[in-house]
Amino acid sequence: EILFSIINFNFYTTSAVLQNTMGIPLVKKTGTNYGPPGQAELVYFIDDINLPEVDPYDTQSAIALLRQHLEYEHVYDLSKLTQKNIGHTQLVSCMNPTAGSFEINPRLQRWFATFAIGLPETMSLHTIYLTFLTGHLKKFDEEVQGVAKDLVKCAVSLHREVMLNFRKTAQNFHYEFNIRHISNVFQGLLVSAP
């Protein structure tokens, strides 16, 4: 059995907050050993791993705790001042390269396989969304089925224009248009009924 726990990092994530959050799904096994319940394996998904505040010493305490956990498979219980061995866990993380600190500590990054995924090309988006939409519209009249191609073309073109014209700046940091936004359009269309 594989369990998972999602941990969302932000600017205010500290090592103490992270340690408490990571401890929630763990149970005490024997002595100072902790792990997921039963024989399960636990996967922590760390979202926005690069967002915690960088301190004056150019470090991030949450990142340092993650590195300690990965390298030594233990953390220190700050209330009892004892070592907590944590087993049967794994880390998966993601980061937004346009926000937060733009580099990850190499001593942490060496524990991960790194993949960079960009936005698919326009023709790929057409193919993906047209496949979903035509499959859903098979129950509809032929007149409605006929607009699928134009609808996909229009939605993808509009998304591309919005991305090009509304770029993220220091004043408009919330201008971030990604594939999630266009997916929401088609997610709404796919709940329609004939």
N, C-alpha and C. Protein backbone atom coordinates (compact mmCIF):
# COMPACT_ATOMS: atom_id res chain seq x y z
N GLU A 1 0.84 -1.18 0.00
CA GLU A 1 0.00 0.00 0.00
C GLU A 1 0.89 1.24 0.00
N ILE A 2 0.51 2.22 -0.81
CA ILE A 2 1.25 3.47 -0.89
C ILE A 2 0.33 4.61 -0.45
N LEU A 3 0.77 5.36 0.54
CA LEU A 3 0.05 6.53 1.02
C LEU A 3 0.76 7.77 0.51
N PHE A 4 0.05 8.89 0.48
CA PHE A 4 0.72 10.12 0.07
C PHE A 4 0.27 11.26 0.95
N SER A 5 1.12 12.26 1.04
CA SER A 5 0.84 13.46 1.82
C SER A 5 1.32 14.66 1.01
N ILE A 6 0.45 15.63 0.82
CA ILE A 6 0.80 16.82 0.04
C ILE A 6 1.20 17.93 1.00
N ILE A 7 2.36 18.51 0.77
CA ILE A 7 2.86 19.61 1.59
C ILE A 7 3.10 20.79 0.67
N ASN A 8 2.37 21.87 0.89
CA ASN A 8 2.50 23.07 0.07
C ASN A 8 3.44 24.05 0.75
N PHE A 9 4.55 24.34 0.12
CA PHE A 9 5.49 25.32 0.65
C PHE A 9 5.03 26.72 0.26
N ASN A 10 5.37 27.69 1.10
CA ASN A 10 5.18 29.09 0.77
C ASN A 10 6.33 29.87 1.40
N PHE A 11 6.28 31.18 1.32
CA PHE A 11 7.35 32.03 1.81
C PHE A 11 7.59 31.82 3.31
N TYR A 12 6.54 31.49 4.05
CA TYR A 12 6.62 31.40 5.50
C TYR A 12 6.88 29.98 6.02
N THR A 13 7.14 29.03 5.14
CA THR A 13 7.40 27.65 5.57
C THR A 13 8.77 27.59 6.24
N THR A 14 8.78 27.16 7.50
CA THR A 14 10.03 27.01 8.24
C THR A 14 10.27 25.54 8.50
N SER A 15 11.42 25.22 9.04
CA SER A 15 11.72 23.83 9.35
C SER A 15 10.78 23.29 10.42
N ALA A 16 10.39 24.13 11.39
CA ALA A 16 9.48 23.68 12.45
C ALA A 16 8.10 23.35 11.87
N VAL A 17 7.60 24.21 11.00
CA VAL A 17 6.31 23.97 10.36
C VAL A 17 6.38 22.70 9.52
N LEU A 18 7.46 22.55 8.75
CA LEU A 18 7.62 21.37 7.90
C LEU A 18 7.70 20.10 8.73
N GLN A 19 8.45 20.14 9.81
CA GLN A 19 8.61 18.95 10.65
C GLN A 19 7.27 18.53 11.24
N ASN A 20 6.46 19.48 11.69
CA ASN A 20 5.12 19.16 12.21
C ASN A 20 4.24 18.58 11.11
N THR A 21 4.29 19.16 9.93
CA THR A 21 3.46 18.69 8.82
C THR A 21 3.88 17.29 8.37
N MET A 22 5.18 17.05 8.31
CA MET A 22 5.66 15.73 7.91
C MET A 22 5.33 14.66 8.95
N GLY A 23 5.20 15.06 10.20
CA GLY A 23 4.92 14.10 11.27
C GLY A 23 3.48 13.67 11.36
N ILE A 24 2.57 14.41 10.73
CA ILE A 24 1.13 14.11 10.84
C ILE A 24 0.79 12.68 10.39
N PRO A 25 1.24 12.22 9.21
CA PRO A 25 0.84 10.87 8.78
C PRO A 25 1.68 9.74 9.40
N LEU A 26 2.69 10.09 10.21
CA LEU A 26 3.58 9.06 10.76
C LEU A 26 3.05 8.51 12.08
N VAL A 27 3.38 7.25 12.34
CA VAL A 27 3.04 6.62 13.63
C VAL A 27 4.33 6.08 14.23
N LYS A 28 4.33 5.98 15.54
CA LYS A 28 5.51 5.46 16.23
C LYS A 28 5.57 3.95 16.03
N LYS A 29 6.71 3.45 15.62
CA LYS A 29 6.89 2.01 15.42
C LYS A 29 7.51 1.40 16.68
N THR A 30 8.80 1.55 16.86
CA THR A 30 9.47 1.06 18.07
C THR A 30 10.53 2.07 18.48
N GLY A 31 10.64 2.33 19.75
CA GLY A 31 11.66 3.23 20.25
C GLY A 31 11.58 4.60 19.60
N THR A 32 12.62 4.95 18.84
CA THR A 32 12.64 6.25 18.16
C THR A 32 12.35 6.11 16.67
N ASN A 33 11.76 5.00 16.26
CA ASN A 33 11.45 4.74 14.85
C ASN A 33 10.02 5.13 14.54
N TYR A 34 9.86 5.89 13.45
CA TYR A 34 8.55 6.34 13.00
C TYR A 34 8.39 6.00 11.54
N GLY A 35 7.17 5.84 11.10
CA GLY A 35 6.90 5.56 9.70
C GLY A 35 5.41 5.59 9.44
N PRO A 36 5.00 5.34 8.21
CA PRO A 36 3.57 5.29 7.90
C PRO A 36 2.92 4.09 8.58
N PRO A 37 1.60 4.12 8.76
CA PRO A 37 0.92 3.01 9.43
C PRO A 37 1.10 1.67 8.71
N GLY A 38 1.20 0.61 9.48
CA GLY A 38 1.29 -0.75 8.92
C GLY A 38 2.54 -0.94 8.09
N GLN A 39 2.36 -1.63 6.97
CA GLN A 39 3.47 -1.91 6.06
C GLN A 39 3.50 -0.94 4.88
N ALA A 40 2.77 0.14 5.00
CA ALA A 40 2.63 1.08 3.89
C ALA A 40 3.92 1.85 3.63
N GLU A 41 4.02 2.38 2.43
CA GLU A 41 5.07 3.32 2.06
C GLU A 41 4.41 4.69 1.94
N LEU A 42 5.12 5.74 2.31
CA LEU A 42 4.56 7.09 2.29
C LEU A 42 5.35 7.95 1.31
N VAL A 43 4.63 8.62 0.42
CA VAL A 43 5.25 9.54 -0.53
C VAL A 43 4.80 10.95 -0.15
N TYR A 44 5.78 11.79 0.17
CA TYR A 44 5.49 13.21 0.41
C TYR A 44 5.60 13.93 -0.93
N PHE A 45 4.56 14.69 -1.28
CA PHE A 45 4.64 15.54 -2.47
C PHE A 45 4.83 16.97 -1.98
N ILE A 46 5.97 17.55 -2.27
CA ILE A 46 6.30 18.90 -1.84
C ILE A 46 6.05 19.83 -3.02
N ASP A 47 5.06 20.70 -2.89
CA ASP A 47 4.71 21.64 -3.95
C ASP A 47 5.44 22.96 -3.70
N ASP A 48 5.98 23.54 -4.75
CA ASP A 48 6.70 24.83 -4.67
C ASP A 48 7.88 24.76 -3.71
N ILE A 49 8.75 23.81 -3.92
CA ILE A 49 9.88 23.57 -3.02
C ILE A 49 10.82 24.78 -2.92
N ASN A 50 10.80 25.67 -3.91
CA ASN A 50 11.72 26.80 -3.91
C ASN A 50 11.16 28.06 -3.25
N LEU A 51 9.96 28.01 -2.65
CA LEU A 51 9.34 29.22 -2.13
C LEU A 51 9.76 29.66 -0.73
N PRO A 52 10.22 28.80 0.18
CA PRO A 52 10.54 29.30 1.52
C PRO A 52 11.55 30.45 1.49
N GLU A 53 11.42 31.34 2.48
CA GLU A 53 12.27 32.52 2.56
C GLU A 53 13.74 32.15 2.68
N VAL A 54 14.56 32.86 1.95
CA VAL A 54 16.01 32.69 2.04
C VAL A 54 16.49 33.59 3.17
N ASP A 55 17.18 33.02 4.16
CA ASP A 55 17.61 33.80 5.32
C ASP A 55 18.90 34.57 4.99
N PRO A 56 19.36 35.41 5.93
CA PRO A 56 20.58 36.21 5.65
C PRO A 56 21.82 35.37 5.35
N TYR A 57 21.82 34.11 5.72
CA TYR A 57 22.97 33.24 5.46
C TYR A 57 22.83 32.48 4.15
N ASP A 58 21.83 32.89 3.34
CA ASP A 58 21.59 32.30 2.02
C ASP A 58 21.17 30.84 2.12
N THR A 59 20.42 30.50 3.16
CA THR A 59 19.90 29.14 3.32
C THR A 59 18.39 29.21 3.53
N GLN A 60 17.76 28.06 3.46
CA GLN A 60 16.33 27.94 3.74
C GLN A 60 16.18 26.79 4.74
N SER A 61 15.62 27.09 5.91
CA SER A 61 15.59 26.07 6.97
C SER A 61 14.76 24.85 6.58
N ALA A 62 13.67 25.06 5.84
CA ALA A 62 12.84 23.92 5.42
C ALA A 62 13.62 23.01 4.46
N ILE A 63 14.40 23.62 3.58
CA ILE A 63 15.22 22.84 2.64
C ILE A 63 16.28 22.06 3.40
N ALA A 64 16.87 22.69 4.41
CA ALA A 64 17.89 22.02 5.21
C ALA A 64 17.31 20.80 5.93
N LEU A 65 16.06 20.93 6.42
CA LEU A 65 15.42 19.79 7.09
C LEU A 65 15.14 18.66 6.10
N LEU A 66 14.67 19.00 4.90
CA LEU A 66 14.44 17.98 3.88
C LEU A 66 15.74 17.25 3.54
N ARG A 67 16.80 18.01 3.38
CA ARG A 67 18.10 17.40 3.07
C ARG A 67 18.55 16.46 4.19
N GLN A 68 18.36 16.90 5.43
CA GLN A 68 18.74 16.05 6.57
C GLN A 68 17.92 14.76 6.57
N HIS A 69 16.63 14.89 6.31
CA HIS A 69 15.76 13.71 6.26
C HIS A 69 16.21 12.74 5.17
N LEU A 70 16.53 13.26 3.99
CA LEU A 70 16.95 12.40 2.88
C LEU A 70 18.31 11.76 3.13
N GLU A 71 19.25 12.52 3.66
CA GLU A 71 20.60 12.00 3.84
C GLU A 71 20.73 11.03 5.01
N TYR A 72 20.08 11.37 6.13
CA TYR A 72 20.30 10.60 7.35
C TYR A 72 19.08 9.78 7.80
N GLU A 73 17.94 9.98 7.12
CA GLU A 73 16.68 9.31 7.45
C GLU A 73 16.26 9.54 8.90
N HIS A 74 16.59 10.72 9.41
CA HIS A 74 16.11 11.10 10.74
C HIS A 74 16.05 12.62 10.85
N VAL A 75 15.27 13.06 11.81
CA VAL A 75 15.22 14.47 12.21
C VAL A 75 15.30 14.48 13.73
N TYR A 76 15.46 15.66 14.29
CA TYR A 76 15.53 15.76 15.74
C TYR A 76 14.23 16.29 16.29
N ASP A 77 13.69 15.61 17.29
CA ASP A 77 12.49 16.06 17.99
C ASP A 77 12.89 17.26 18.83
N LEU A 78 12.37 18.43 18.49
CA LEU A 78 12.79 19.65 19.16
C LEU A 78 12.21 19.80 20.57
N SER A 79 11.14 19.07 20.89
CA SER A 79 10.57 19.18 22.24
C SER A 79 11.29 18.23 23.20
N LYS A 80 11.65 17.03 22.75
CA LYS A 80 12.32 16.05 23.62
C LYS A 80 13.84 16.03 23.42
N LEU A 81 14.31 16.76 22.40
CA LEU A 81 15.74 16.79 22.05
C LEU A 81 16.30 15.39 21.82
N THR A 82 15.53 14.59 21.07
CA THR A 82 15.95 13.24 20.72
C THR A 82 15.86 13.06 19.20
N GLN A 83 16.50 12.04 18.72
CA GLN A 83 16.50 11.72 17.30
C GLN A 83 15.25 10.91 16.96
N LYS A 84 14.59 11.26 15.83
CA LYS A 84 13.44 10.50 15.33
C LYS A 84 13.84 9.88 13.99
N ASN A 85 13.95 8.56 13.95
CA ASN A 85 14.26 7.86 12.71
C ASN A 85 12.98 7.70 11.91
N ILE A 86 13.01 8.14 10.68
CA ILE A 86 11.81 8.09 9.84
C ILE A 86 12.10 7.18 8.65
N GLY A 87 11.32 6.10 8.54
CA GLY A 87 11.54 5.14 7.48
C GLY A 87 10.34 4.99 6.56
N HIS A 88 10.56 4.32 5.45
CA HIS A 88 9.51 3.99 4.47
C HIS A 88 8.84 5.23 3.90
N THR A 89 9.64 6.26 3.65
CA THR A 89 9.11 7.49 3.04
C THR A 89 9.92 7.83 1.80
N GLN A 90 9.32 8.64 0.96
CA GLN A 90 9.94 9.06 -0.29
C GLN A 90 9.49 10.48 -0.57
N LEU A 91 10.27 11.26 -1.29
CA LEU A 91 9.92 12.64 -1.62
C LEU A 91 9.78 12.82 -3.12
N VAL A 92 8.74 13.53 -3.50
CA VAL A 92 8.54 13.99 -4.87
C VAL A 92 8.25 15.47 -4.73
N SER A 93 8.83 16.29 -5.58
CA SER A 93 8.59 17.72 -5.43
C SER A 93 8.51 18.40 -6.79
N CYS A 94 8.00 19.62 -6.76
CA CYS A 94 7.97 20.43 -7.96
C CYS A 94 8.26 21.88 -7.57
N MET A 95 8.62 22.66 -8.55
CA MET A 95 8.89 24.07 -8.28
C MET A 95 8.47 24.90 -9.47
N ASN A 96 8.22 26.16 -9.19
CA ASN A 96 7.90 27.12 -10.22
C ASN A 96 9.16 27.94 -10.46
N PRO A 97 9.77 27.83 -11.62
CA PRO A 97 11.03 28.54 -11.84
C PRO A 97 10.87 30.05 -11.97
N THR A 98 9.64 30.56 -11.98
CA THR A 98 9.44 32.01 -12.11
C THR A 98 9.13 32.67 -10.78
N ALA A 99 9.12 31.93 -9.68
CA ALA A 99 8.83 32.53 -8.38
C ALA A 99 9.74 31.91 -7.32
N GLY A 100 9.89 32.62 -6.21
CA GLY A 100 10.72 32.10 -5.12
C GLY A 100 12.20 32.21 -5.44
N SER A 101 13.02 31.45 -4.73
CA SER A 101 14.44 31.47 -5.06
C SER A 101 14.60 30.65 -6.34
N PHE A 102 15.46 31.09 -7.20
CA PHE A 102 15.53 30.49 -8.53
C PHE A 102 16.50 29.31 -8.59
N GLU A 103 17.08 28.98 -7.46
CA GLU A 103 17.98 27.84 -7.41
C GLU A 103 17.62 26.99 -6.21
N ILE A 104 17.85 25.72 -6.34
CA ILE A 104 17.68 24.79 -5.22
C ILE A 104 19.07 24.40 -4.74
N ASN A 105 19.22 24.26 -3.46
CA ASN A 105 20.49 23.86 -2.88
C ASN A 105 20.97 22.60 -3.59
N PRO A 106 22.16 22.62 -4.18
CA PRO A 106 22.65 21.44 -4.89
C PRO A 106 22.77 20.21 -4.00
N ARG A 107 22.97 20.41 -2.70
CA ARG A 107 23.08 19.27 -1.79
C ARG A 107 21.72 18.59 -1.61
N LEU A 108 20.63 19.32 -1.84
CA LEU A 108 19.30 18.71 -1.82
C LEU A 108 18.96 18.17 -3.21
N GLN A 109 19.27 18.95 -4.22
CA GLN A 109 18.87 18.58 -5.58
C GLN A 109 19.51 17.28 -6.04
N ARG A 110 20.66 16.93 -5.49
CA ARG A 110 21.32 15.69 -5.92
C ARG A 110 20.52 14.45 -5.57
N TRP A 111 19.55 14.57 -4.67
CA TRP A 111 18.72 13.43 -4.26
C TRP A 111 17.52 13.24 -5.20
N PHE A 112 17.35 14.13 -6.14
CA PHE A 112 16.19 14.08 -7.03
C PHE A 112 16.61 13.85 -8.48
N ALA A 113 15.74 13.23 -9.24
CA ALA A 113 15.86 13.24 -10.69
C ALA A 113 15.13 14.49 -11.14
N THR A 114 15.75 15.30 -11.99
CA THR A 114 15.18 16.58 -12.36
C THR A 114 14.61 16.53 -13.77
N PHE A 115 13.37 16.97 -13.91
CA PHE A 115 12.70 17.04 -15.20
C PHE A 115 12.16 18.44 -15.39
N ALA A 116 12.37 19.03 -16.55
CA ALA A 116 11.81 20.35 -16.87
C ALA A 116 10.76 20.15 -17.95
N ILE A 117 9.56 20.60 -17.67
CA ILE A 117 8.45 20.40 -18.60
C ILE A 117 7.88 21.76 -18.98
N GLY A 118 7.90 22.07 -20.23
CA GLY A 118 7.35 23.33 -20.71
C GLY A 118 5.94 23.15 -21.23
N LEU A 119 5.36 24.25 -21.65
CA LEU A 119 4.01 24.22 -22.22
C LEU A 119 4.06 23.53 -23.58
N PRO A 120 3.13 22.61 -23.85
CA PRO A 120 3.11 21.94 -25.16
C PRO A 120 2.90 22.93 -26.30
N GLU A 121 3.34 22.57 -27.47
CA GLU A 121 3.15 23.41 -28.66
C GLU A 121 1.68 23.51 -29.01
N THR A 122 1.35 24.49 -29.83
CA THR A 122 -0.05 24.75 -30.19
C THR A 122 -0.71 23.54 -30.85
N MET A 123 -0.01 22.88 -31.76
CA MET A 123 -0.61 21.73 -32.44
C MET A 123 -0.85 20.57 -31.45
N SER A 124 0.02 20.41 -30.48
CA SER A 124 -0.18 19.36 -29.48
C SER A 124 -1.41 19.67 -28.64
N LEU A 125 -1.57 20.94 -28.26
CA LEU A 125 -2.76 21.33 -27.49
C LEU A 125 -4.03 21.09 -28.31
N HIS A 126 -3.99 21.42 -29.61
CA HIS A 126 -5.14 21.16 -30.48
C HIS A 126 -5.49 19.67 -30.46
N THR A 127 -4.50 18.83 -30.64
CA THR A 127 -4.73 17.39 -30.69
C THR A 127 -5.30 16.86 -29.37
N ILE A 128 -4.71 17.29 -28.27
CA ILE A 128 -5.14 16.82 -26.94
C ILE A 128 -6.59 17.19 -26.68
N TYR A 129 -6.91 18.48 -26.82
CA TYR A 129 -8.25 18.93 -26.47
C TYR A 129 -9.30 18.51 -27.50
N LEU A 130 -8.91 18.42 -28.76
CA LEU A 130 -9.86 17.96 -29.77
C LEU A 130 -10.22 16.50 -29.54
N THR A 131 -9.27 15.70 -29.11
CA THR A 131 -9.54 14.29 -28.81
C THR A 131 -10.57 14.17 -27.69
N PHE A 132 -10.36 14.92 -26.61
CA PHE A 132 -11.31 14.88 -25.49
C PHE A 132 -12.69 15.37 -25.92
N LEU A 133 -12.70 16.52 -26.62
CA LEU A 133 -13.98 17.15 -26.96
C LEU A 133 -14.78 16.32 -27.97
N THR A 134 -14.13 15.80 -28.99
CA THR A 134 -14.87 14.99 -29.98
C THR A 134 -15.40 13.71 -29.35
N GLY A 135 -14.63 13.12 -28.44
CA GLY A 135 -15.12 11.92 -27.74
C GLY A 135 -16.35 12.23 -26.91
N HIS A 136 -16.36 13.39 -26.25
CA HIS A 136 -17.51 13.76 -25.42
C HIS A 136 -18.72 14.15 -26.28
N LEU A 137 -18.48 14.81 -27.40
CA LEU A 137 -19.58 15.32 -28.22
C LEU A 137 -20.22 14.25 -29.12
N LYS A 138 -19.79 13.01 -29.06
CA LYS A 138 -20.39 11.95 -29.88
C LYS A 138 -21.87 11.76 -29.57
N LYS A 139 -22.29 12.09 -28.36
CA LYS A 139 -23.69 11.94 -27.95
C LYS A 139 -24.56 13.11 -28.43
N PHE A 140 -23.92 14.16 -28.95
CA PHE A 140 -24.63 15.37 -29.34
C PHE A 140 -25.03 15.33 -30.81
N ASP A 141 -25.85 16.29 -31.23
CA ASP A 141 -26.25 16.42 -32.63
C ASP A 141 -25.02 16.69 -33.49
N GLU A 142 -25.13 16.37 -34.80
CA GLU A 142 -24.01 16.59 -35.71
C GLU A 142 -23.64 18.06 -35.80
N GLU A 143 -24.62 18.94 -35.67
CA GLU A 143 -24.36 20.38 -35.73
C GLU A 143 -23.42 20.80 -34.60
N VAL A 144 -23.65 20.26 -33.40
CA VAL A 144 -22.80 20.57 -32.25
C VAL A 144 -21.43 19.92 -32.43
N GLN A 145 -21.40 18.69 -32.95
CA GLN A 145 -20.13 18.01 -33.17
C GLN A 145 -19.25 18.77 -34.17
N GLY A 146 -19.90 19.45 -35.12
CA GLY A 146 -19.17 20.19 -36.15
C GLY A 146 -18.40 21.39 -35.64
N VAL A 147 -18.76 21.94 -34.48
CA VAL A 147 -18.08 23.13 -33.97
C VAL A 147 -16.90 22.78 -33.07
N ALA A 148 -16.67 21.50 -32.83
CA ALA A 148 -15.60 21.09 -31.91
C ALA A 148 -14.24 21.62 -32.36
N LYS A 149 -13.92 21.45 -33.63
CA LYS A 149 -12.61 21.87 -34.13
C LYS A 149 -12.43 23.38 -33.99
N ASP A 150 -13.47 24.14 -34.37
CA ASP A 150 -13.37 25.60 -34.25
C ASP A 150 -13.31 26.05 -32.79
N LEU A 151 -14.01 25.36 -31.93
CA LEU A 151 -14.02 25.70 -30.52
C LEU A 151 -12.64 25.50 -29.90
N VAL A 152 -12.00 24.39 -30.24
CA VAL A 152 -10.65 24.12 -29.73
C VAL A 152 -9.68 25.15 -30.28
N LYS A 153 -9.78 25.43 -31.57
CA LYS A 153 -8.88 26.40 -32.20
C LYS A 153 -9.04 27.77 -31.55
N CYS A 154 -10.26 28.16 -31.32
CA CYS A 154 -10.54 29.47 -30.70
C CYS A 154 -10.00 29.52 -29.26
N ALA A 155 -10.25 28.49 -28.47
CA ALA A 155 -9.80 28.47 -27.07
C ALA A 155 -8.28 28.49 -26.97
N VAL A 156 -7.62 27.70 -27.79
CA VAL A 156 -6.15 27.66 -27.76
C VAL A 156 -5.57 28.98 -28.24
N SER A 157 -6.15 29.58 -29.28
CA SER A 157 -5.67 30.87 -29.78
C SER A 157 -5.87 31.97 -28.74
N LEU A 158 -7.02 31.98 -28.10
CA LEU A 158 -7.29 32.98 -27.06
C LEU A 158 -6.31 32.84 -25.90
N HIS A 159 -6.07 31.62 -25.50
CA HIS A 159 -5.12 31.37 -24.41
C HIS A 159 -3.72 31.86 -24.80
N ARG A 160 -3.31 31.57 -26.01
CA ARG A 160 -1.99 32.00 -26.48
C ARG A 160 -1.89 33.53 -26.49
N GLU A 161 -2.94 34.20 -26.96
CA GLU A 161 -2.94 35.67 -27.00
C GLU A 161 -2.90 36.28 -25.60
N VAL A 162 -3.64 35.70 -24.68
CA VAL A 162 -3.64 36.18 -23.30
C VAL A 162 -2.24 36.00 -22.70
N MET A 163 -1.61 34.85 -22.95
CA MET A 163 -0.26 34.61 -22.43
C MET A 163 0.75 35.62 -22.99
N LEU A 164 0.61 35.97 -24.25
CA LEU A 164 1.55 36.90 -24.87
C LEU A 164 1.32 38.35 -24.46
N ASN A 165 0.06 38.74 -24.27
CA ASN A 165 -0.26 40.14 -23.98
C ASN A 165 -0.30 40.48 -22.49
N PHE A 166 -0.52 39.51 -21.64
CA PHE A 166 -0.57 39.75 -20.21
C PHE A 166 0.60 39.03 -19.55
N ARG A 167 1.77 39.61 -19.70
CA ARG A 167 2.97 38.99 -19.15
C ARG A 167 3.13 39.36 -17.68
N LYS A 168 3.74 38.45 -16.94
CA LYS A 168 3.99 38.67 -15.52
C LYS A 168 5.07 39.73 -15.36
N THR A 169 4.79 40.71 -14.48
CA THR A 169 5.78 41.74 -14.14
C THR A 169 5.79 41.87 -12.62
N ALA A 170 6.64 42.76 -12.13
CA ALA A 170 6.70 42.98 -10.68
C ALA A 170 5.36 43.53 -10.17
N GLN A 171 4.71 44.38 -10.95
CA GLN A 171 3.42 44.93 -10.54
C GLN A 171 2.27 43.94 -10.75
N ASN A 172 2.38 43.13 -11.78
CA ASN A 172 1.33 42.17 -12.12
C ASN A 172 1.85 40.75 -11.95
N PHE A 173 2.33 40.44 -10.77
CA PHE A 173 2.92 39.12 -10.52
C PHE A 173 1.89 38.00 -10.61
N HIS A 174 0.60 38.34 -10.52
CA HIS A 174 -0.45 37.32 -10.57
C HIS A 174 -0.80 36.94 -12.01
N TYR A 175 -0.20 37.60 -13.00
CA TYR A 175 -0.45 37.26 -14.40
C TYR A 175 0.36 36.02 -14.76
N GLU A 176 -0.21 34.90 -14.49
CA GLU A 176 0.46 33.66 -14.88
C GLU A 176 -0.58 32.75 -15.50
N PHE A 177 -0.46 32.57 -16.78
CA PHE A 177 -1.44 31.77 -17.51
C PHE A 177 -0.74 30.51 -18.00
N ASN A 178 -1.20 29.38 -17.52
CA ASN A 178 -0.57 28.12 -17.90
C ASN A 178 -1.62 27.16 -18.42
N ILE A 179 -1.21 25.93 -18.63
CA ILE A 179 -2.10 24.93 -19.21
C ILE A 179 -3.29 24.62 -18.30
N ARG A 180 -3.16 24.88 -17.01
CA ARG A 180 -4.26 24.64 -16.08
C ARG A 180 -5.47 25.51 -16.43
N HIS A 181 -5.22 26.73 -16.88
CA HIS A 181 -6.33 27.64 -17.19
C HIS A 181 -7.12 27.17 -18.41
N ILE A 182 -6.42 26.77 -19.45
CA ILE A 182 -7.14 26.29 -20.63
C ILE A 182 -7.80 24.94 -20.34
N SER A 183 -7.20 24.14 -19.48
CA SER A 183 -7.80 22.86 -19.11
C SER A 183 -9.12 23.07 -18.37
N ASN A 184 -9.21 24.13 -17.58
CA ASN A 184 -10.46 24.43 -16.88
C ASN A 184 -11.59 24.73 -17.85
N VAL A 185 -11.27 25.37 -18.98
CA VAL A 185 -12.30 25.65 -20.00
C VAL A 185 -12.87 24.33 -20.51
N PHE A 186 -11.99 23.41 -20.86
CA PHE A 186 -12.45 22.13 -21.42
C PHE A 186 -13.05 21.23 -20.35
N GLN A 187 -12.60 21.37 -19.14
CA GLN A 187 -13.22 20.61 -18.05
C GLN A 187 -14.68 21.01 -17.90
N GLY A 188 -14.96 22.29 -18.04
CA GLY A 188 -16.35 22.77 -18.01
C GLY A 188 -17.15 22.26 -19.18
N LEU A 189 -16.56 22.27 -20.37
CA LEU A 189 -17.26 21.78 -21.56
C LEU A 189 -17.57 20.27 -21.46
N LEU A 190 -16.70 19.53 -20.82
CA LEU A 190 -16.87 18.08 -20.77
C LEU A 190 -17.93 17.61 -19.75
N VAL A 191 -18.50 18.53 -19.00
CA VAL A 191 -19.60 18.15 -18.12
C VAL A 191 -20.96 18.50 -18.75
N SER A 192 -20.92 19.02 -19.98
CA SER A 192 -22.18 19.36 -20.65
C SER A 192 -22.94 18.10 -21.04
N ALA A 193 -24.24 18.26 -21.19
CA ALA A 193 -25.10 17.13 -21.56
C ALA A 193 -25.88 17.49 -22.82
N PRO A 194 -26.22 16.49 -23.67
CA PRO A 194 -26.97 16.79 -24.90
C PRO A 194 -28.39 17.26 -24.60
